[in-house]
Amino acid sequence: MCVIRIHFTADDFARVRFAPRPSPVPELHAALMMLGAPHEQLLFGRWRSRLLRNLPHAVRPLADLVPDGRAPAFLDVLGDTPDEGFALIRAARPEFVRAGIEEVYARRPAPPWIRALHDGDADAWRTLVRAQRTAYESVLAPVWPLVQDLHRAEFTHHALTAAEQGLGAALTGLAPRSRLCGGVWEWPRPDVPGVREVRLGGRGLVLRPTFHWRQGPLVQDLPDRPVALAYPAGRGLPLVPDRNGPPDEPLAGVLGRTRLALLHCLDQPRTTTGLARRIGVSNATASAHASALRAAGLLTTTRTGRSVHHARTPLAELWLAGGPAAG
């Protein structure tokens, strides 16, 4: 039987939390794992083919870190923006990084840049960060507003179920085949052999929906931290930009996907903080992109007291409607 068994203490039930917002780095890694997975070709085949055709060369080093589809633990971080997540990865203890690499490459020789990363080489770290940033821009940024909307819906659904039916129903509702019995939450996981026992021991549990990974739950169990469980949520189909998100269009090649996503988010005036949250970047990054777009005549910025609001210009509206391409 292939199953994950999560053991609760009485304190743990009082320490179950639902992540209030999605974290870009874990969602990016879920998308990359799904990109490299051979299963569900019928639904995900075209999505994989399109992304793989368009992935920039700078992303390729990431494949070296997951030769068997399993990433080293030091990459498993949270953070509300990509910048925060990447900074947490860079701040990992050297011995933690070395242990993760040694586990992944226990039975095969590591590529030169991976060996350099194991030694703490600054150039190797720059290679990793550049690969992750480029992967985010290519894979996740175009659908990040949709991920945020789906997360809000999942958060609301979980809260209502817990309020109306209790925590047990909210937990087992995350997976129809799971069950909670005697303080143990059992979750079948057909893609992982054997039984994995996870003992919370009073640390609590953080629930995090992921909208790209379609297999069983992904468990992060690190010492002295709450256990984090990422579970597949959403509609079970590849995420594609909606009409308010950045489609695959030539304008993305001109502005960059993050700036294009920022413009699409300005369907109404928004503050710098609002933009940053919407597209999953830091306030400083959102401000820098807004400045560049303002210099290009694509947005305006107005200040009222201590608040700053950005809005699209008529030129931006024309560009997004496809006007210049037709001229």
C-alpha atoms as a PDB file:
ATOM      1  CA  MET A   1       0.000   0.000   0.000  1.00  0.00           C
ATOM      2  CA  CYS A   2       1.362   3.434  -0.955  1.00  0.00           C
ATOM      3  CA  VAL A   3       0.239   6.031   1.538  1.00  0.00           C
ATOM      4  CA  ILE A   4       1.315   9.044   3.553  1.00  0.00           C
ATOM      5  CA  ARG A   5       0.250   8.911   7.204  1.00  0.00           C
ATOM      6  CA  ILE A   6       0.341  12.198   9.120  1.00  0.00           C
ATOM      7  CA  HIS A   7       0.163  11.809  12.905  1.00  0.00           C
ATOM      8  CA  PHE A   8      -1.459  14.639  14.892  1.00  0.00           C
ATOM      9  CA  THR A   9      -1.172  15.449  18.575  1.00  0.00           C
ATOM     10  CA  ALA A  10      -3.910  17.448  20.312  1.00  0.00           C
ATOM     11  CA  ASP A  11      -1.726  20.564  19.971  1.00  0.00           C
ATOM     12  CA  ASP A  12      -1.303  19.983  16.255  1.00  0.00           C
ATOM     13  CA  PHE A  13      -5.030  20.213  15.585  1.00  0.00           C
ATOM     14  CA  ALA A  14      -4.932  23.710  17.061  1.00  0.00           C
ATOM     15  CA  ARG A  15      -1.966  24.568  14.825  1.00  0.00           C
ATOM     16  CA  VAL A  16      -3.341  23.680  11.414  1.00  0.00           C
ATOM     17  CA  ARG A  17      -3.022  26.722   9.172  1.00  0.00           C
ATOM     18  CA  PHE A  18      -3.908  27.445   5.580  1.00  0.00           C
ATOM     19  CA  ALA A  19      -1.365  29.505   3.660  1.00  0.00           C
ATOM     20  CA  PRO A  20      -3.021  32.926   3.237  1.00  0.00           C
ATOM     21  CA  ARG A  21      -1.505  33.494  -0.202  1.00  0.00           C
ATOM     22  CA  PRO A  22       0.403  31.459  -2.799  1.00  0.00           C
ATOM     23  CA  SER A  23       4.203  31.343  -2.769  1.00  0.00           C
ATOM     24  CA  PRO A  24       5.809  31.796  -6.194  1.00  0.00           C
ATOM     25  CA  VAL A  25       8.880  29.600  -5.716  1.00  0.00           C
ATOM     26  CA  PRO A  26       7.067  26.390  -4.632  1.00  0.00           C
ATOM     27  CA  GLU A  27       4.480  26.916  -7.364  1.00  0.00           C
ATOM     28  CA  LEU A  28       7.270  27.416  -9.896  1.00  0.00           C
ATOM     29  CA  HIS A  29       8.950  24.177  -8.814  1.00  0.00           C
ATOM     30  CA  ALA A  30       5.606  22.340  -9.048  1.00  0.00           C
ATOM     31  CA  ALA A  31       5.192  23.634 -12.606  1.00  0.00           C
ATOM     32  CA  LEU A  32       8.727  22.588 -13.532  1.00  0.00           C
ATOM     33  CA  MET A  33       8.176  19.099 -12.092  1.00  0.00           C
ATOM     34  CA  MET A  34       4.962  18.831 -14.092  1.00  0.00           C
ATOM     35  CA  LEU A  35       6.827  20.065 -17.151  1.00  0.00           C
ATOM     36  CA  GLY A  36       9.274  17.187 -16.844  1.00  0.00           C
ATOM     37  CA  ALA A  37       6.761  14.501 -15.919  1.00  0.00           C
ATOM     38  CA  PRO A  38       5.767  12.030 -18.674  1.00  0.00           C
ATOM     39  CA  HIS A  39       2.268  11.280 -17.347  1.00  0.00           C
ATOM     40  CA  GLU A  40      -1.073  12.853 -18.311  1.00  0.00           C
ATOM     41  CA  GLN A  41       0.089  13.467 -21.851  1.00  0.00           C
ATOM     42  CA  LEU A  42      -3.475  13.919 -23.115  1.00  0.00           C
ATOM     43  CA  LEU A  43      -4.153  16.984 -20.966  1.00  0.00           C
ATOM     44  CA  PHE A  44      -0.664  18.400 -20.544  1.00  0.00           C
ATOM     45  CA  GLY A  45       1.041  17.429 -23.801  1.00  0.00           C
ATOM     46  CA  ARG A  46       0.403  20.661 -25.699  1.00  0.00           C
ATOM     47  CA  TRP A  47       1.192  22.741 -22.596  1.00  0.00           C
ATOM     48  CA  ARG A  48       4.545  20.982 -22.191  1.00  0.00           C
ATOM     49  CA  SER A  49       5.394  21.247 -25.868  1.00  0.00           C
ATOM     50  CA  ARG A  50       4.651  24.967 -25.972  1.00  0.00           C
ATOM     51  CA  LEU A  51       6.680  25.771 -22.860  1.00  0.00           C
ATOM     52  CA  LEU A  52       9.615  23.556 -23.798  1.00  0.00           C
ATOM     53  CA  ARG A  53       9.820  25.188 -27.225  1.00  0.00           C
ATOM     54  CA  ASN A  54       9.919  28.641 -25.658  1.00  0.00           C
ATOM     55  CA  LEU A  55      12.103  28.033 -22.596  1.00  0.00           C
ATOM     56  CA  PRO A  56      15.190  30.271 -22.719  1.00  0.00           C
ATOM     57  CA  HIS A  57      18.606  28.608 -22.607  1.00  0.00           C
ATOM     58  CA  ALA A  58      19.273  30.176 -19.180  1.00  0.00           C
ATOM     59  CA  VAL A  59      16.684  27.833 -17.589  1.00  0.00           C
ATOM     60  CA  ARG A  60      18.501  24.623 -18.556  1.00  0.00           C
ATOM     61  CA  PRO A  61      20.782  24.388 -15.477  1.00  0.00           C
ATOM     62  CA  LEU A  62      17.702  23.721 -13.319  1.00  0.00           C
ATOM     63  CA  ALA A  63      17.376  20.280 -14.909  1.00  0.00           C
ATOM     64  CA  ASP A  64      20.772  19.374 -13.441  1.00  0.00           C
ATOM     65  CA  LEU A  65      19.409  19.888  -9.929  1.00  0.00           C
ATOM     66  CA  VAL A  66      16.548  17.428 -10.411  1.00  0.00           C
ATOM     67  CA  PRO A  67      17.972  14.559 -12.515  1.00  0.00           C
ATOM     68  CA  ASP A  68      15.381  12.132 -11.124  1.00  0.00           C
ATOM     69  CA  GLY A  69      12.523  14.622 -10.789  1.00  0.00           C
ATOM     70  CA  ARG A  70      13.249  15.242  -7.109  1.00  0.00           C
ATOM     71  CA  ALA A  71      14.721  18.577  -6.045  1.00  0.00           C
ATOM     72  CA  PRO A  72      17.138  18.972  -3.116  1.00  0.00           C
ATOM     73  CA  ALA A  73      15.480  20.214   0.060  1.00  0.00           C
ATOM     74  CA  PHE A  74      17.278  23.574   0.147  1.00  0.00           C
ATOM     75  CA  LEU A  75      15.167  24.686  -2.850  1.00  0.00           C
ATOM     76  CA  ASP A  76      11.928  24.124  -0.919  1.00  0.00           C
ATOM     77  CA  VAL A  77      11.259  27.578   0.518  1.00  0.00           C
ATOM     78  CA  LEU A  78       8.299  29.941   0.806  1.00  0.00           C
ATOM     79  CA  GLY A  79       8.199  33.727   0.418  1.00  0.00           C
ATOM     80  CA  ASP A  80       5.433  36.011  -0.836  1.00  0.00           C
ATOM     81  CA  THR A  81       7.390  37.114  -3.923  1.00  0.00           C
ATOM     82  CA  PRO A  82       9.970  35.488  -6.197  1.00  0.00           C
ATOM     83  CA  ASP A  83      12.656  37.815  -4.808  1.00  0.00           C
ATOM     84  CA  GLU A  84      11.905  36.689  -1.240  1.00  0.00           C
ATOM     85  CA  GLY A  85      11.930  33.028  -2.224  1.00  0.00           C
ATOM     86  CA  PHE A  86      15.186  33.265  -4.165  1.00  0.00           C
ATOM     87  CA  ALA A  87      16.781  35.162  -1.270  1.00  0.00           C
ATOM     88  CA  LEU A  88      15.767  32.369   1.116  1.00  0.00           C
ATOM     89  CA  ILE A  89      17.380  29.795  -1.168  1.00  0.00           C
ATOM     90  CA  ARG A  90      20.569  31.840  -1.340  1.00  0.00           C
ATOM     91  CA  ALA A  91      20.586  32.160   2.455  1.00  0.00           C
ATOM     92  CA  ALA A  92      20.461  28.386   3.018  1.00  0.00           C
ATOM     93  CA  ARG A  93      23.179  27.046   5.285  1.00  0.00           C
ATOM     94  CA  PRO A  94      26.150  25.715   3.266  1.00  0.00           C
ATOM     95  CA  GLU A  95      25.955  22.312   4.942  1.00  0.00           C
ATOM     96  CA  PHE A  96      22.240  22.095   4.025  1.00  0.00           C
ATOM     97  CA  VAL A  97      23.031  22.860   0.376  1.00  0.00           C
ATOM     98  CA  ARG A  98      25.865  20.325   0.310  1.00  0.00           C
ATOM     99  CA  ALA A  99      23.697  17.618   1.866  1.00  0.00           C
ATOM    100  CA  GLY A 100      20.949  18.186  -0.689  1.00  0.00           C
ATOM    101  CA  ILE A 101      23.318  17.996  -3.632  1.00  0.00           C
ATOM    102  CA  GLU A 102      25.054  14.906  -2.252  1.00  0.00           C
ATOM    103  CA  GLU A 103      21.708  13.148  -1.853  1.00  0.00           C
ATOM    104  CA  VAL A 104      20.651  13.913  -5.429  1.00  0.00           C
ATOM    105  CA  TYR A 105      24.027  12.908  -6.875  1.00  0.00           C
ATOM    106  CA  ALA A 106      24.784   9.972  -4.594  1.00  0.00           C
ATOM    107  CA  ARG A 107      25.053   7.505  -7.505  1.00  0.00           C
ATOM    108  CA  ARG A 108      26.215   9.587 -10.463  1.00  0.00           C
ATOM    109  CA  PRO A 109      28.838  12.233 -11.249  1.00  0.00           C
ATOM    110  CA  ALA A 110      27.615  15.802 -10.896  1.00  0.00           C
ATOM    111  CA  PRO A 111      28.043  18.379 -13.701  1.00  0.00           C
ATOM    112  CA  PRO A 112      30.853  20.903 -13.128  1.00  0.00           C
ATOM    113  CA  TRP A 113      28.579  23.795 -12.150  1.00  0.00           C
ATOM    114  CA  ILE A 114      26.769  21.597  -9.606  1.00  0.00           C
ATOM    115  CA  ARG A 115      30.136  20.670  -8.069  1.00  0.00           C
ATOM    116  CA  ALA A 116      30.937  24.392  -7.921  1.00  0.00           C
ATOM    117  CA  LEU A 117      27.600  25.070  -6.238  1.00  0.00           C
ATOM    118  CA  HIS A 118      28.433  22.343  -3.715  1.00  0.00           C
ATOM    119  CA  ASP A 119      31.639  24.273  -2.961  1.00  0.00           C
ATOM    120  CA  GLY A 120      29.763  27.566  -2.533  1.00  0.00           C
ATOM    121  CA  ASP A 121      31.101  29.164  -5.713  1.00  0.00           C
ATOM    122  CA  ALA A 122      29.578  32.620  -6.314  1.00  0.00           C
ATOM    123  CA  ASP A 123      29.341  32.156 -10.101  1.00  0.00           C
ATOM    124  CA  ALA A 124      27.456  28.894  -9.627  1.00  0.00           C
ATOM    125  CA  TRP A 125      24.982  30.646  -7.336  1.00  0.00           C
ATOM    126  CA  ARG A 126      24.488  33.355  -9.944  1.00  0.00           C
ATOM    127  CA  THR A 127      23.801  30.648 -12.526  1.00  0.00           C
ATOM    128  CA  LEU A 128      21.134  29.128 -10.277  1.00  0.00           C
ATOM    129  CA  VAL A 129      19.428  32.436  -9.452  1.00  0.00           C
ATOM    130  CA  ARG A 130      19.453  33.508 -13.123  1.00  0.00           C
ATOM    131  CA  ALA A 131      17.927  30.165 -14.126  1.00  0.00           C
ATOM    132  CA  GLN A 132      15.179  30.445 -11.540  1.00  0.00           C
ATOM    133  CA  ARG A 133      14.327  34.045 -12.385  1.00  0.00           C
ATOM    134  CA  THR A 134      14.179  33.218 -16.080  1.00  0.00           C
ATOM    135  CA  ALA A 135      12.012  30.171 -15.394  1.00  0.00           C
ATOM    136  CA  TYR A 136       9.614  32.286 -13.351  1.00  0.00           C
ATOM    137  CA  GLU A 137       9.313  34.871 -16.134  1.00  0.00           C
ATOM    138  CA  SER A 138       8.724  32.177 -18.767  1.00  0.00           C
ATOM    139  CA  VAL A 139       6.535  29.657 -16.931  1.00  0.00           C
ATOM    140  CA  LEU A 140       4.758  31.248 -13.993  1.00  0.00           C
ATOM    141  CA  ALA A 141       4.534  35.020 -14.486  1.00  0.00           C
ATOM    142  CA  PRO A 142       2.018  34.742 -17.365  1.00  0.00           C
ATOM    143  CA  VAL A 143      -0.456  32.841 -15.152  1.00  0.00           C
ATOM    144  CA  TRP A 144       0.416  34.271 -11.719  1.00  0.00           C
ATOM    145  CA  PRO A 145      -2.761  36.441 -11.476  1.00  0.00           C
ATOM    146  CA  LEU A 146      -4.792  33.291 -12.185  1.00  0.00           C
ATOM    147  CA  VAL A 147      -2.881  31.367  -9.484  1.00  0.00           C
ATOM    148  CA  GLN A 148      -3.707  34.139  -7.012  1.00  0.00           C
ATOM    149  CA  ASP A 149      -7.398  34.046  -7.920  1.00  0.00           C
ATOM    150  CA  LEU A 150      -7.520  30.254  -7.586  1.00  0.00           C
ATOM    151  CA  HIS A 151      -5.749  30.415  -4.226  1.00  0.00           C
ATOM    152  CA  ARG A 152      -8.293  32.896  -2.870  1.00  0.00           C
ATOM    153  CA  ALA A 153     -11.126  30.617  -3.974  1.00  0.00           C
ATOM    154  CA  GLU A 154      -9.446  27.573  -2.387  1.00  0.00           C
ATOM    155  CA  PHE A 155      -8.791  29.507   0.844  1.00  0.00           C
ATOM    156  CA  THR A 156     -12.449  30.560   1.053  1.00  0.00           C
ATOM    157  CA  HIS A 157     -13.709  27.049   0.360  1.00  0.00           C
ATOM    158  CA  HIS A 158     -11.467  25.566   3.077  1.00  0.00           C
ATOM    159  CA  ALA A 159     -12.516  28.203   5.619  1.00  0.00           C
ATOM    160  CA  LEU A 160     -16.217  27.643   4.965  1.00  0.00           C
ATOM    161  CA  THR A 161     -15.881  23.858   5.200  1.00  0.00           C
ATOM    162  CA  ALA A 162     -13.965  24.113   8.483  1.00  0.00           C
ATOM    163  CA  ALA A 163     -16.552  26.534   9.905  1.00  0.00           C
ATOM    164  CA  GLU A 164     -19.590  24.535   8.822  1.00  0.00           C
ATOM    165  CA  GLN A 165     -18.391  20.916   9.131  1.00  0.00           C
ATOM    166  CA  GLY A 166     -15.258  21.014  11.273  1.00  0.00           C
ATOM    167  CA  LEU A 167     -11.533  20.657  10.679  1.00  0.00           C
ATOM    168  CA  GLY A 168     -11.732  16.921   9.973  1.00  0.00           C
ATOM    169  CA  ALA A 169     -14.073  17.461   7.031  1.00  0.00           C
ATOM    170  CA  ALA A 170     -11.906  20.315   5.765  1.00  0.00           C
ATOM    171  CA  LEU A 171      -8.802  18.108   5.817  1.00  0.00           C
ATOM    172  CA  THR A 172     -10.315  15.024   4.194  1.00  0.00           C
ATOM    173  CA  GLY A 173     -12.058  17.252   1.653  1.00  0.00           C
ATOM    174  CA  LEU A 174      -8.651  18.120   0.216  1.00  0.00           C
ATOM    175  CA  ALA A 175      -8.420  14.563  -1.153  1.00  0.00           C
ATOM    176  CA  PRO A 176     -11.552  12.447  -1.630  1.00  0.00           C
ATOM    177  CA  ARG A 177      -9.665   9.215  -0.888  1.00  0.00           C
ATOM    178  CA  SER A 178      -8.042  10.427   2.329  1.00  0.00           C
ATOM    179  CA  ARG A 179      -9.371   9.686   5.796  1.00  0.00           C
ATOM    180  CA  LEU A 180      -8.795  10.916   9.338  1.00  0.00           C
ATOM    181  CA  CYS A 181      -8.960   8.246  12.008  1.00  0.00           C
ATOM    182  CA  GLY A 182      -7.571   8.198  15.542  1.00  0.00           C
ATOM    183  CA  GLY A 183      -5.483  11.300  15.038  1.00  0.00           C
ATOM    184  CA  VAL A 184      -3.876   9.948  11.853  1.00  0.00           C
ATOM    185  CA  TRP A 185      -4.584  11.449   8.446  1.00  0.00           C
ATOM    186  CA  GLU A 186      -4.023   8.843   5.737  1.00  0.00           C
ATOM    187  CA  TRP A 187      -3.566   9.986   2.167  1.00  0.00           C
ATOM    188  CA  PRO A 188      -3.033   7.430  -0.643  1.00  0.00           C
ATOM    189  CA  ARG A 189      -0.147   8.359  -2.933  1.00  0.00           C
ATOM    190  CA  PRO A 190       0.088   5.921  -5.866  1.00  0.00           C
ATOM    191  CA  ASP A 191       3.245   7.484  -7.307  1.00  0.00           C
ATOM    192  CA  VAL A 192       5.334   6.904  -4.144  1.00  0.00           C
ATOM    193  CA  PRO A 193       6.149   3.339  -3.013  1.00  0.00           C
ATOM    194  CA  GLY A 194       5.693   2.191   0.569  1.00  0.00           C
ATOM    195  CA  VAL A 195       4.329   4.032   3.594  1.00  0.00           C
ATOM    196  CA  ARG A 196       5.682   7.375   4.744  1.00  0.00           C
ATOM    197  CA  GLU A 197       5.069   8.268   8.376  1.00  0.00           C
ATOM    198  CA  VAL A 198       5.042  11.982   9.230  1.00  0.00           C
ATOM    199  CA  ARG A 199       4.822  12.883  12.928  1.00  0.00           C
ATOM    200  CA  LEU A 200       3.933  16.493  13.602  1.00  0.00           C
ATOM    201  CA  GLY A 201       4.903  16.286  17.285  1.00  0.00           C
ATOM    202  CA  GLY A 202       3.294  19.597  18.204  1.00  0.00           C
ATOM    203  CA  ARG A 203       4.864  21.540  15.302  1.00  0.00           C
ATOM    204  CA  GLY A 204       1.579  21.997  13.486  1.00  0.00           C
ATOM    205  CA  LEU A 205       0.718  21.782   9.795  1.00  0.00           C
ATOM    206  CA  VAL A 206       0.609  24.372   7.003  1.00  0.00           C
ATOM    207  CA  LEU A 207      -1.674  23.564   4.068  1.00  0.00           C
ATOM    208  CA  ARG A 208      -0.675  24.976   0.702  1.00  0.00           C
ATOM    209  CA  PRO A 209      -2.637  24.368  -2.507  1.00  0.00           C
ATOM    210  CA  THR A 210      -0.654  24.010  -5.707  1.00  0.00           C
ATOM    211  CA  PHE A 211      -2.264  24.491  -9.094  1.00  0.00           C
ATOM    212  CA  HIS A 212       0.323  22.836 -11.337  1.00  0.00           C
ATOM    213  CA  TRP A 213       1.258  19.576  -9.627  1.00  0.00           C
ATOM    214  CA  ARG A 214      -1.328  16.847 -10.313  1.00  0.00           C
ATOM    215  CA  GLN A 215       0.020  13.897  -8.292  1.00  0.00           C
ATOM    216  CA  GLY A 216      -0.220  13.235  -4.558  1.00  0.00           C
ATOM    217  CA  PRO A 217       0.721  15.640  -1.746  1.00  0.00           C
ATOM    218  CA  LEU A 218       4.227  17.078  -1.469  1.00  0.00           C
ATOM    219  CA  VAL A 219       5.409  17.091   2.146  1.00  0.00           C
ATOM    220  CA  GLN A 220       8.142  19.304   3.560  1.00  0.00           C
ATOM    221  CA  ASP A 221       9.207  17.919   6.942  1.00  0.00           C
ATOM    222  CA  LEU A 222      12.171  19.869   8.328  1.00  0.00           C
ATOM    223  CA  PRO A 223      13.339  19.846  11.956  1.00  0.00           C
ATOM    224  CA  ASP A 224      11.941  22.533  14.258  1.00  0.00           C
ATOM    225  CA  ARG A 225       9.514  23.829  11.622  1.00  0.00           C
ATOM    226  CA  PRO A 226       5.815  23.247  10.984  1.00  0.00           C
ATOM    227  CA  VAL A 227       5.261  20.517   8.439  1.00  0.00           C
ATOM    228  CA  ALA A 228       4.127  21.988   5.105  1.00  0.00           C
ATOM    229  CA  LEU A 229       1.846  19.996   2.846  1.00  0.00           C
ATOM    230  CA  ALA A 230       1.265  21.079  -0.747  1.00  0.00           C
ATOM    231  CA  TYR A 231      -1.765  19.404  -2.281  1.00  0.00           C
ATOM    232  CA  PRO A 232      -3.053  19.474  -5.876  1.00  0.00           C
ATOM    233  CA  ALA A 233      -5.955  21.887  -6.211  1.00  0.00           C
ATOM    234  CA  GLY A 234      -7.775  23.781  -8.905  1.00  0.00           C
ATOM    235  CA  ARG A 235      -9.383  22.454 -12.037  1.00  0.00           C
ATOM    236  CA  GLY A 236      -6.817  19.772 -12.906  1.00  0.00           C
ATOM    237  CA  LEU A 237      -5.927  21.317 -16.259  1.00  0.00           C
ATOM    238  CA  PRO A 238      -2.874  23.276 -17.418  1.00  0.00           C
ATOM    239  CA  LEU A 239      -3.126  26.905 -16.380  1.00  0.00           C
ATOM    240  CA  VAL A 240      -3.277  29.294 -19.322  1.00  0.00           C
ATOM    241  CA  PRO A 241      -3.512  33.082 -19.196  1.00  0.00           C
ATOM    242  CA  ASP A 242      -7.094  34.323 -19.100  1.00  0.00           C
ATOM    243  CA  ARG A 243      -8.271  37.398 -20.965  1.00  0.00           C
ATOM    244  CA  ASN A 244      -6.959  39.629 -18.167  1.00  0.00           C
ATOM    245  CA  GLY A 245      -3.550  37.918 -18.101  1.00  0.00           C
ATOM    246  CA  PRO A 246      -0.638  38.182 -20.506  1.00  0.00           C
ATOM    247  CA  PRO A 247      -1.207  35.947 -23.546  1.00  0.00           C
ATOM    248  CA  ASP A 248       1.540  34.613 -25.762  1.00  0.00           C
ATOM    249  CA  GLU A 249       1.926  37.656 -27.974  1.00  0.00           C
ATOM    250  CA  PRO A 250       4.766  39.600 -29.610  1.00  0.00           C
ATOM    251  CA  LEU A 251       4.337  42.395 -27.060  1.00  0.00           C
ATOM    252  CA  ALA A 252       5.784  40.075 -24.396  1.00  0.00           C
ATOM    253  CA  GLY A 253       9.012  39.945 -26.367  1.00  0.00           C
ATOM    254  CA  VAL A 254       9.195  43.729 -26.406  1.00  0.00           C
ATOM    255  CA  LEU A 255       8.239  44.563 -22.828  1.00  0.00           C
ATOM    256  CA  GLY A 256       9.101  41.341 -21.023  1.00  0.00           C
ATOM    257  CA  ARG A 257       6.503  39.125 -19.390  1.00  0.00           C
ATOM    258  CA  THR A 258       6.608  40.827 -15.985  1.00  0.00           C
ATOM    259  CA  ARG A 259       5.974  44.299 -17.413  1.00  0.00           C
ATOM    260  CA  LEU A 260       3.278  42.917 -19.663  1.00  0.00           C
ATOM    261  CA  ALA A 261       1.658  41.202 -16.657  1.00  0.00           C
ATOM    262  CA  LEU A 262       1.852  44.491 -14.772  1.00  0.00           C
ATOM    263  CA  LEU A 263       0.033  46.323 -17.573  1.00  0.00           C
ATOM    264  CA  HIS A 264      -2.650  43.652 -17.735  1.00  0.00           C
ATOM    265  CA  CYS A 265      -3.205  43.991 -13.980  1.00  0.00           C
ATOM    266  CA  LEU A 266      -3.989  47.677 -14.397  1.00  0.00           C
ATOM    267  CA  ASP A 267      -7.574  47.005 -15.451  1.00  0.00           C
ATOM    268  CA  GLN A 268      -8.143  49.482 -12.617  1.00  0.00           C
ATOM    269  CA  PRO A 269      -5.718  51.862 -10.898  1.00  0.00           C
ATOM    270  CA  ARG A 270      -3.550  50.051  -8.369  1.00  0.00           C
ATOM    271  CA  THR A 271      -0.910  50.980  -5.822  1.00  0.00           C
ATOM    272  CA  THR A 272       2.669  49.746  -6.106  1.00  0.00           C
ATOM    273  CA  THR A 273       1.988  47.286  -3.286  1.00  0.00           C
ATOM    274  CA  GLY A 274      -1.167  46.084  -5.013  1.00  0.00           C
ATOM    275  CA  LEU A 275       0.726  45.518  -8.256  1.00  0.00           C
ATOM    276  CA  ALA A 276       3.545  43.712  -6.469  1.00  0.00           C
ATOM    277  CA  ARG A 277       1.117  41.301  -4.810  1.00  0.00           C
ATOM    278  CA  ARG A 278      -0.825  40.798  -8.004  1.00  0.00           C
ATOM    279  CA  ILE A 279       2.141  39.764 -10.152  1.00  0.00           C
ATOM    280  CA  GLY A 280       4.217  38.180  -7.362  1.00  0.00           C
ATOM    281  CA  VAL A 281       7.235  40.490  -7.155  1.00  0.00           C
ATOM    282  CA  SER A 282       8.696  42.748  -4.477  1.00  0.00           C
ATOM    283  CA  ASN A 283       7.540  46.358  -4.107  1.00  0.00           C
ATOM    284  CA  ALA A 284      10.938  47.558  -5.332  1.00  0.00           C
ATOM    285  CA  THR A 285      10.692  45.398  -8.465  1.00  0.00           C
ATOM    286  CA  ALA A 286       7.133  46.547  -9.181  1.00  0.00           C
ATOM    287  CA  SER A 287       8.194  50.165  -8.722  1.00  0.00           C
ATOM    288  CA  ALA A 288      11.137  49.734 -11.104  1.00  0.00           C
ATOM    289  CA  HIS A 289       8.948  48.164 -13.793  1.00  0.00           C
ATOM    290  CA  ALA A 290       6.319  50.881 -13.316  1.00  0.00           C
ATOM    291  CA  SER A 291       8.999  53.542 -13.774  1.00  0.00           C
ATOM    292  CA  ALA A 292      10.142  51.961 -17.038  1.00  0.00           C
ATOM    293  CA  LEU A 293       6.579  51.742 -18.336  1.00  0.00           C
ATOM    294  CA  ARG A 294       5.915  55.326 -17.269  1.00  0.00           C
ATOM    295  CA  ALA A 295       9.005  56.477 -19.168  1.00  0.00           C
ATOM    296  CA  ALA A 296       7.653  54.652 -22.245  1.00  0.00           C
ATOM    297  CA  GLY A 297       4.329  56.469 -21.930  1.00  0.00           C
ATOM    298  CA  LEU A 298       2.390  53.296 -21.045  1.00  0.00           C
ATOM    299  CA  LEU A 299       1.245  54.222 -17.545  1.00  0.00           C
ATOM    300  CA  THR A 300       0.709  57.262 -15.376  1.00  0.00           C
ATOM    301  CA  THR A 301       1.377  57.632 -11.677  1.00  0.00           C
ATOM    302  CA  THR A 302      -0.570  59.933  -9.393  1.00  0.00           C
ATOM    303  CA  ARG A 303       0.064  60.643  -5.741  1.00  0.00           C
ATOM    304  CA  THR A 304      -2.716  61.385  -3.244  1.00  0.00           C
ATOM    305  CA  GLY A 305      -1.293  62.069   0.173  1.00  0.00           C
ATOM    306  CA  ARG A 306       0.910  59.058   0.958  1.00  0.00           C
ATOM    307  CA  SER A 307      -0.741  56.812  -1.635  1.00  0.00           C
ATOM    308  CA  VAL A 308       0.618  56.243  -5.142  1.00  0.00           C
ATOM    309  CA  HIS A 309      -1.670  54.854  -7.841  1.00  0.00           C
ATOM    310  CA  HIS A 310      -0.712  53.651 -11.308  1.00  0.00           C
ATOM    311  CA  ALA A 311      -3.025  53.547 -14.319  1.00  0.00           C
ATOM    312  CA  ARG A 312      -2.709  52.588 -17.982  1.00  0.00           C
ATOM    313  CA  THR A 313      -2.457  55.338 -20.577  1.00  0.00           C
ATOM    314  CA  PRO A 314      -4.523  55.378 -23.800  1.00  0.00           C
ATOM    315  CA  LEU A 315      -1.377  54.245 -25.628  1.00  0.00           C
ATOM    316  CA  ALA A 316      -1.151  51.181 -23.379  1.00  0.00           C
ATOM    317  CA  GLU A 317      -4.826  50.422 -23.970  1.00  0.00           C
ATOM    318  CA  LEU A 318      -4.197  50.634 -27.705  1.00  0.00           C
ATOM    319  CA  TRP A 319      -1.181  48.318 -27.496  1.00  0.00           C
ATOM    320  CA  LEU A 320      -3.053  45.727 -25.406  1.00  0.00           C
ATOM    321  CA  ALA A 321      -5.959  45.832 -27.830  1.00  0.00           C
ATOM    322  CA  GLY A 322      -3.550  45.031 -30.672  1.00  0.00           C
ATOM    323  CA  GLY A 323      -3.847  48.427 -32.334  1.00  0.00           C
ATOM    324  CA  PRO A 324      -0.177  49.147 -33.161  1.00  0.00           C
ATOM    325  CA  ALA A 325       0.276  45.716 -34.693  1.00  0.00           C
ATOM    326  CA  ALA A 326      -2.467  46.478 -37.152  1.00  0.00           C
ATOM    327  CA  GLY A 327      -1.022  49.828 -38.192  1.00  0.00           C
END
